[in-house]
């Protein structure tokens, strides 16, 4: 069972799901970052997300979608290892889920 808190018309409500999986879509655009659950809009973050490439130059992500599905046994270290990611290039987006 998962819990998810989202904003609805400036009122915070709690959504309860009956499975142990939490899904989220993160959409990067040139002017903002949008975060959605599978069926609902959650939050907008103004501005762009800058990454550093291997040469030390700053690059921006625009128009990219990232989809995450997290189950009750999720480990971020496994995701970093499986996709050969660098921790310094990972965006930090905090999702509060309660079981």
C-alpha atoms as a PDB file:
ATOM      1  CA  UNK A   1       0.000   0.000   0.000  1.00  0.00           C
ATOM      2  CA  UNK A   2       1.405   3.404  -0.902  1.00  0.00           C
ATOM      3  CA  UNK A   3       0.546   6.952   0.036  1.00  0.00           C
ATOM      4  CA  UNK A   4       1.204  10.024  -2.054  1.00  0.00           C
ATOM      5  CA  UNK A   5       0.705  13.690  -1.178  1.00  0.00           C
ATOM      6  CA  UNK A   6      -0.065  16.155  -3.961  1.00  0.00           C
ATOM      7  CA  UNK A   7      -1.323  19.711  -4.376  1.00  0.00           C
ATOM      8  CA  UNK A   8      -4.877  20.306  -5.598  1.00  0.00           C
ATOM      9  CA  UNK A   9      -6.014  23.937  -5.921  1.00  0.00           C
ATOM     10  CA  UNK A  10      -3.763  25.015  -3.040  1.00  0.00           C
ATOM     11  CA  UNK A  11      -5.214  22.261  -0.840  1.00  0.00           C
ATOM     12  CA  UNK A  12      -3.045  19.281   0.016  1.00  0.00           C
ATOM     13  CA  UNK A  13      -4.744  15.915  -0.241  1.00  0.00           C
ATOM     14  CA  UNK A  14      -3.479  12.408   0.422  1.00  0.00           C
ATOM     15  CA  UNK A  15      -3.921   9.735  -2.235  1.00  0.00           C
ATOM     16  CA  UNK A  16      -3.931   6.075  -1.205  1.00  0.00           C
ATOM     17  CA  UNK A  17      -3.155   3.259  -3.621  1.00  0.00           C
ATOM     18  CA  UNK A  18      -3.700  -0.429  -3.051  1.00  0.00           C
ATOM     19  CA  UNK A  19      -0.457  -1.717  -4.514  1.00  0.00           C
ATOM     20  CA  UNK A  20       3.134  -1.382  -3.411  1.00  0.00           C
ATOM     21  CA  UNK A  21       4.390   0.449  -6.519  1.00  0.00           C
ATOM     22  CA  UNK A  22       4.767   4.201  -6.961  1.00  0.00           C
ATOM     23  CA  UNK A  23       5.161   5.577 -10.484  1.00  0.00           C
ATOM     24  CA  UNK A  24       6.215   9.084 -11.431  1.00  0.00           C
ATOM     25  CA  UNK A  25       7.021  10.891 -14.686  1.00  0.00           C
ATOM     26  CA  UNK A  26       9.482  13.788 -14.662  1.00  0.00           C
ATOM     27  CA  UNK A  27       9.330  16.064 -17.739  1.00  0.00           C
ATOM     28  CA  UNK A  28      12.294  18.374 -18.338  1.00  0.00           C
ATOM     29  CA  UNK A  29      11.629  21.416 -20.559  1.00  0.00           C
ATOM     30  CA  UNK A  30      13.812  24.438 -21.359  1.00  0.00           C
ATOM     31  CA  UNK A  31      11.857  26.596 -18.866  1.00  0.00           C
ATOM     32  CA  UNK A  32      10.598  24.242 -16.149  1.00  0.00           C
ATOM     33  CA  UNK A  33      10.500  20.728 -14.734  1.00  0.00           C
ATOM     34  CA  UNK A  34       7.082  19.074 -14.358  1.00  0.00           C
ATOM     35  CA  UNK A  35       6.392  16.105 -12.099  1.00  0.00           C
ATOM     36  CA  UNK A  36       3.386  13.789 -12.592  1.00  0.00           C
ATOM     37  CA  UNK A  37       2.137  10.556 -11.081  1.00  0.00           C
ATOM     38  CA  UNK A  38       0.663   8.027 -13.492  1.00  0.00           C
ATOM     39  CA  UNK A  39      -2.584  10.005 -13.780  1.00  0.00           C
ATOM     40  CA  UNK A  40      -2.144  13.315 -11.968  1.00  0.00           C
ATOM     41  CA  UNK A  41      -0.044  16.478 -12.209  1.00  0.00           C
ATOM     42  CA  UNK A  42       1.927  17.123  -9.024  1.00  0.00           C
ATOM     43  CA  UNK A  43       4.335  20.044  -9.194  1.00  0.00           C
ATOM     44  CA  UNK A  44       6.216  22.504 -11.409  1.00  0.00           C
ATOM     45  CA  UNK A  45       9.767  23.642 -10.753  1.00  0.00           C
ATOM     46  CA  UNK A  46      10.712  26.832 -12.632  1.00  0.00           C
ATOM     47  CA  UNK A  47      14.071  26.944 -14.340  1.00  0.00           C
ATOM     48  CA  UNK A  48      16.231  24.384 -16.051  1.00  0.00           C
ATOM     49  CA  UNK A  49      18.274  21.520 -14.715  1.00  0.00           C
ATOM     50  CA  UNK A  50      21.970  21.809 -15.517  1.00  0.00           C
ATOM     51  CA  UNK A  51      24.254  18.811 -15.758  1.00  0.00           C
ATOM     52  CA  UNK A  52      28.005  18.624 -16.127  1.00  0.00           C
ATOM     53  CA  UNK A  53      29.418  16.490 -18.937  1.00  0.00           C
ATOM     54  CA  UNK A  54      32.721  14.608 -18.942  1.00  0.00           C
ATOM     55  CA  UNK A  55      34.573  17.756 -20.080  1.00  0.00           C
ATOM     56  CA  UNK A  56      33.274  19.814 -17.161  1.00  0.00           C
ATOM     57  CA  UNK A  57      30.937  21.914 -19.321  1.00  0.00           C
ATOM     58  CA  UNK A  58      27.413  22.744 -18.146  1.00  0.00           C
ATOM     59  CA  UNK A  59      24.627  21.333 -20.317  1.00  0.00           C
ATOM     60  CA  UNK A  60      20.851  21.670 -20.008  1.00  0.00           C
ATOM     61  CA  UNK A  61      18.180  19.052 -20.448  1.00  0.00           C
ATOM     62  CA  UNK A  62      15.161  20.116 -22.468  1.00  0.00           C
ATOM     63  CA  UNK A  63      12.160  18.120 -23.624  1.00  0.00           C
ATOM     64  CA  UNK A  64      13.289  14.925 -21.896  1.00  0.00           C
ATOM     65  CA  UNK A  65      10.918  12.601 -20.077  1.00  0.00           C
ATOM     66  CA  UNK A  66      12.104  10.368 -17.253  1.00  0.00           C
ATOM     67  CA  UNK A  67       9.759   7.722 -15.926  1.00  0.00           C
ATOM     68  CA  UNK A  68      10.405   6.049 -12.590  1.00  0.00           C
ATOM     69  CA  UNK A  69       8.601   3.122 -11.058  1.00  0.00           C
ATOM     70  CA  UNK A  70       9.477   2.394  -7.460  1.00  0.00           C
ATOM     71  CA  UNK A  71       8.384  -0.699  -5.558  1.00  0.00           C
ATOM     72  CA  UNK A  72       8.730  -1.481  -1.884  1.00  0.00           C
ATOM     73  CA  UNK A  73      12.177  -3.070  -2.420  1.00  0.00           C
ATOM     74  CA  UNK A  74      13.598  -0.144  -4.435  1.00  0.00           C
ATOM     75  CA  UNK A  75      17.273   0.697  -3.948  1.00  0.00           C
ATOM     76  CA  UNK A  76      18.728   3.793  -5.631  1.00  0.00           C
ATOM     77  CA  UNK A  77      22.217   2.215  -5.592  1.00  0.00           C
ATOM     78  CA  UNK A  78      20.950  -0.605  -7.837  1.00  0.00           C
ATOM     79  CA  UNK A  79      19.520   1.903 -10.329  1.00  0.00           C
ATOM     80  CA  UNK A  80      22.792   3.849 -10.430  1.00  0.00           C
ATOM     81  CA  UNK A  81      24.770   0.639 -11.003  1.00  0.00           C
ATOM     82  CA  UNK A  82      22.388  -0.893 -13.598  1.00  0.00           C
ATOM     83  CA  UNK A  83      22.329   2.222 -15.797  1.00  0.00           C
ATOM     84  CA  UNK A  84      25.967   3.211 -15.110  1.00  0.00           C
ATOM     85  CA  UNK A  85      24.906   6.646 -13.844  1.00  0.00           C
ATOM     86  CA  UNK A  86      27.107   9.152 -12.071  1.00  0.00           C
ATOM     87  CA  UNK A  87      25.690  10.282  -8.746  1.00  0.00           C
ATOM     88  CA  UNK A  88      26.843  13.853  -9.403  1.00  0.00           C
ATOM     89  CA  UNK A  89      24.550  14.050 -12.458  1.00  0.00           C
ATOM     90  CA  UNK A  90      21.365  12.805 -10.799  1.00  0.00           C
ATOM     91  CA  UNK A  91      18.532  15.276 -10.183  1.00  0.00           C
ATOM     92  CA  UNK A  92      17.253  15.327  -6.625  1.00  0.00           C
ATOM     93  CA  UNK A  93      13.462  15.147  -6.501  1.00  0.00           C
ATOM     94  CA  UNK A  94      11.952  14.167  -3.190  1.00  0.00           C
ATOM     95  CA  UNK A  95       8.780  12.101  -3.242  1.00  0.00           C
ATOM     96  CA  UNK A  96       7.224  11.301   0.089  1.00  0.00           C
ATOM     97  CA  UNK A  97       5.602   7.885   0.166  1.00  0.00           C
ATOM     98  CA  UNK A  98       4.354   6.136   3.259  1.00  0.00           C
ATOM     99  CA  UNK A  99       3.557   2.451   3.636  1.00  0.00           C
END
